[in-house]
Each structure stands twice: as structure tokens, then as C-alpha cells.
Amino acid sequence: MQCPFKSNGLPKHTHKGSYAFNLGNGAGFSVLDVIKAAEETVKQKIAYTVEERRAGDPPTLVADSRLAQKELNWKADYTQINQIIESAWGWHNHHKNGYNT
């Protein structure tokens, strides 16, 4: 597979047989979005404080997964933050010791 991956407009780094892919659903979520979805999923409040945004902090982060879609025929199974948190929470509840269980 010829991978045209470029990061920040710089020429791709050549690693024999390995490439970097962003995996995401094309939508961004704020930290508060994630906290609220997690609270709904675990059915309890999560303690947090709201602070001033630091210089350079984006309001949301969005992974561009077009390369993975094209090269790997990959697509996200879950697109809504509640689905993503519920899936992760379910996995962790059934695998208390990570992949060793």
C-alpha cells in the first residue's frame, strides 16, 4: 500500500510497513461534552472545575479519518459521544484487567 500521509504539510516519514492513521468520526466534542456523556453513562456526578482556556487550547478536537477510510476501508461504528462513552465503559466493565481478562 502506498500511503500518501502527510502531517502538517511536511513530507511523510517513511517507516517500512507502518503508517499513522487518525481514527475518528469527523465530529469534535468539548471536554464538557465528554464529562456530561460520561456522567449519564455511569449514573453519577464527576467532579470537575472549569478553568480559563490555556493559550493554544482548541475548543474541540476533530480527527480526520479520511485516509483510514480510503486505505483501510475503516469507518467509526459509533458517532455520538454517548455511544462512544457507553461502548468504552461497557468494555472496561467487562475487562477489569484490560486485555489480560
C-alpha atoms as a PDB file:
ATOM      1  CA  MET A   1       0.000   0.000   0.000  1.00  0.00           C
ATOM      2  CA  GLN A   2       1.361   3.422  -0.907  1.00  0.00           C
ATOM      3  CA  CYS A   3       0.430   5.762   1.915  1.00  0.00           C
ATOM      4  CA  PRO A   4       0.247   9.444   0.936  1.00  0.00           C
ATOM      5  CA  PHE A   5       0.111  10.507   4.602  1.00  0.00           C
ATOM      6  CA  LYS A   6       1.494  13.942   5.351  1.00  0.00           C
ATOM      7  CA  SER A   7       1.468  15.528   8.772  1.00  0.00           C
ATOM      8  CA  ASN A   8       1.043  19.304   8.977  1.00  0.00           C
ATOM      9  CA  GLY A   9       2.102  19.666   5.344  1.00  0.00           C
ATOM     10  CA  LEU A  10       5.504  18.094   5.983  1.00  0.00           C
ATOM     11  CA  PRO A  11       6.758  15.205   3.855  1.00  0.00           C
ATOM     12  CA  LYS A  12       5.662  11.833   5.179  1.00  0.00           C
ATOM     13  CA  HIS A  13       8.017   9.927   7.439  1.00  0.00           C
ATOM     14  CA  THR A  14       8.911   6.631   5.850  1.00  0.00           C
ATOM     15  CA  HIS A  15       8.597   3.659   8.143  1.00  0.00           C
ATOM     16  CA  LYS A  16       8.879   0.367   6.352  1.00  0.00           C
ATOM     17  CA  GLY A  17       5.473  -1.279   6.659  1.00  0.00           C
ATOM     18  CA  SER A  18       3.897   1.053   9.213  1.00  0.00           C
ATOM     19  CA  TYR A  19       1.824   4.203   8.939  1.00  0.00           C
ATOM     20  CA  ALA A  20      -0.046   6.576  11.219  1.00  0.00           C
ATOM     21  CA  PHE A  21      -3.795   6.936  10.823  1.00  0.00           C
ATOM     22  CA  ASN A  22      -6.190   9.265  12.601  1.00  0.00           C
ATOM     23  CA  LEU A  23      -9.311   7.434  13.718  1.00  0.00           C
ATOM     24  CA  GLY A  24     -12.380   9.482  14.480  1.00  0.00           C
ATOM     25  CA  ASN A  25     -15.900  10.184  13.387  1.00  0.00           C
ATOM     26  CA  GLY A  26     -15.304  13.615  11.882  1.00  0.00           C
ATOM     27  CA  ALA A  27     -17.094  15.418  14.722  1.00  0.00           C
ATOM     28  CA  GLY A  28     -15.476  17.140  17.656  1.00  0.00           C
ATOM     29  CA  PHE A  29     -16.561  17.073  21.275  1.00  0.00           C
ATOM     30  CA  SER A  30     -15.661  19.512  24.006  1.00  0.00           C
ATOM     31  CA  VAL A  31     -14.316  18.312  27.337  1.00  0.00           C
ATOM     32  CA  LEU A  32     -17.653  19.296  28.885  1.00  0.00           C
ATOM     33  CA  ASP A  33     -19.497  17.199  26.258  1.00  0.00           C
ATOM     34  CA  VAL A  34     -17.403  14.197  27.279  1.00  0.00           C
ATOM     35  CA  ILE A  35     -17.923  14.794  31.011  1.00  0.00           C
ATOM     36  CA  LYS A  36     -21.705  15.140  30.642  1.00  0.00           C
ATOM     37  CA  ALA A  37     -21.940  11.997  28.486  1.00  0.00           C
ATOM     38  CA  ALA A  38     -19.799  10.084  30.988  1.00  0.00           C
ATOM     39  CA  GLU A  39     -21.998  11.234  33.878  1.00  0.00           C
ATOM     40  CA  GLU A  40     -25.078   9.952  32.049  1.00  0.00           C
ATOM     41  CA  THR A  41     -23.418   6.623  31.330  1.00  0.00           C
ATOM     42  CA  VAL A  42     -22.012   5.934  34.820  1.00  0.00           C
ATOM     43  CA  LYS A  43     -25.078   7.429  36.550  1.00  0.00           C
ATOM     44  CA  GLN A  44     -23.054   9.606  38.901  1.00  0.00           C
ATOM     45  CA  LYS A  45     -21.591  13.084  39.030  1.00  0.00           C
ATOM     46  CA  ILE A  46     -17.983  13.598  38.001  1.00  0.00           C
ATOM     47  CA  ALA A  47     -16.103  16.257  39.922  1.00  0.00           C
ATOM     48  CA  TYR A  48     -14.505  18.906  37.721  1.00  0.00           C
ATOM     49  CA  THR A  49     -13.626  22.567  37.722  1.00  0.00           C
ATOM     50  CA  VAL A  50     -13.888  24.985  34.834  1.00  0.00           C
ATOM     51  CA  GLU A  51     -10.700  26.957  34.280  1.00  0.00           C
ATOM     52  CA  GLU A  52      -9.640  29.551  31.744  1.00  0.00           C
ATOM     53  CA  ARG A  53      -8.629  28.095  28.419  1.00  0.00           C
ATOM     54  CA  ARG A  54      -4.874  27.914  28.027  1.00  0.00           C
ATOM     55  CA  ALA A  55      -3.171  29.568  25.085  1.00  0.00           C
ATOM     56  CA  GLY A  56      -3.427  27.234  22.127  1.00  0.00           C
ATOM     57  CA  ASP A  57      -6.220  25.055  23.553  1.00  0.00           C
ATOM     58  CA  PRO A  58      -8.801  24.357  20.839  1.00  0.00           C
ATOM     59  CA  PRO A  59     -12.493  24.313  21.778  1.00  0.00           C
ATOM     60  CA  THR A  60     -12.829  20.850  20.191  1.00  0.00           C
ATOM     61  CA  LEU A  61     -10.553  18.285  18.587  1.00  0.00           C
ATOM     62  CA  VAL A  62     -11.540  16.515  15.385  1.00  0.00           C
ATOM     63  CA  ALA A  63      -9.696  13.529  13.921  1.00  0.00           C
ATOM     64  CA  ASP A  64      -9.659  13.444  10.124  1.00  0.00           C
ATOM     65  CA  SER A  65     -10.024   9.753   9.341  1.00  0.00           C
ATOM     66  CA  ARG A  66     -10.345  10.062   5.552  1.00  0.00           C
ATOM     67  CA  LEU A  67      -7.007   8.342   4.984  1.00  0.00           C
ATOM     68  CA  ALA A  68      -8.028   5.351   7.118  1.00  0.00           C
ATOM     69  CA  GLN A  69     -11.364   5.230   5.302  1.00  0.00           C
ATOM     70  CA  LYS A  70      -9.622   5.235   1.934  1.00  0.00           C
ATOM     71  CA  GLU A  71      -6.669   2.959   2.659  1.00  0.00           C
ATOM     72  CA  LEU A  72      -8.188   0.583   5.226  1.00  0.00           C
ATOM     73  CA  ASN A  73     -11.892   0.800   4.377  1.00  0.00           C
ATOM     74  CA  TRP A  74     -12.351   1.828   8.038  1.00  0.00           C
ATOM     75  CA  LYS A  75     -15.293   3.707   9.491  1.00  0.00           C
ATOM     76  CA  ALA A  76     -16.353   4.557  13.015  1.00  0.00           C
ATOM     77  CA  ASP A  77     -19.031   2.267  14.464  1.00  0.00           C
ATOM     78  CA  TYR A  78     -20.143   4.956  16.900  1.00  0.00           C
ATOM     79  CA  THR A  79     -20.619   8.606  16.003  1.00  0.00           C
ATOM     80  CA  GLN A  80     -22.407  10.116  19.010  1.00  0.00           C
ATOM     81  CA  ILE A  81     -20.495  10.879  22.198  1.00  0.00           C
ATOM     82  CA  ASN A  82     -22.978   8.920  24.329  1.00  0.00           C
ATOM     83  CA  GLN A  83     -22.481   5.834  22.135  1.00  0.00           C
ATOM     84  CA  ILE A  84     -18.705   6.178  22.339  1.00  0.00           C
ATOM     85  CA  ILE A  85     -18.664   6.536  26.144  1.00  0.00           C
ATOM     86  CA  GLU A  86     -21.178   3.694  26.635  1.00  0.00           C
ATOM     87  CA  SER A  87     -19.114   1.371  24.447  1.00  0.00           C
ATOM     88  CA  ALA A  88     -15.863   2.216  26.250  1.00  0.00           C
ATOM     89  CA  TRP A  89     -17.496   1.936  29.690  1.00  0.00           C
ATOM     90  CA  GLY A  90     -19.009  -1.440  28.811  1.00  0.00           C
ATOM     91  CA  TRP A  91     -15.667  -2.771  27.600  1.00  0.00           C
ATOM     92  CA  HIS A  92     -13.848  -1.610  30.734  1.00  0.00           C
ATOM     93  CA  ASN A  93     -16.515  -3.095  32.995  1.00  0.00           C
ATOM     94  CA  HIS A  94     -16.094  -6.485  31.305  1.00  0.00           C
ATOM     95  CA  HIS A  95     -12.291  -6.317  31.163  1.00  0.00           C
ATOM     96  CA  LYS A  96     -11.219  -5.117  34.604  1.00  0.00           C
ATOM     97  CA  ASN A  97      -7.610  -6.121  33.896  1.00  0.00           C
ATOM     98  CA  GLY A  98      -7.545  -4.771  30.357  1.00  0.00           C
ATOM     99  CA  TYR A  99      -6.689  -7.212  27.574  1.00  0.00           C
ATOM    100  CA  ASN A 100      -5.488  -9.774  30.141  1.00  0.00           C
ATOM    101  CA  THR A 101      -9.086 -10.728  31.005  1.00  0.00           C
END
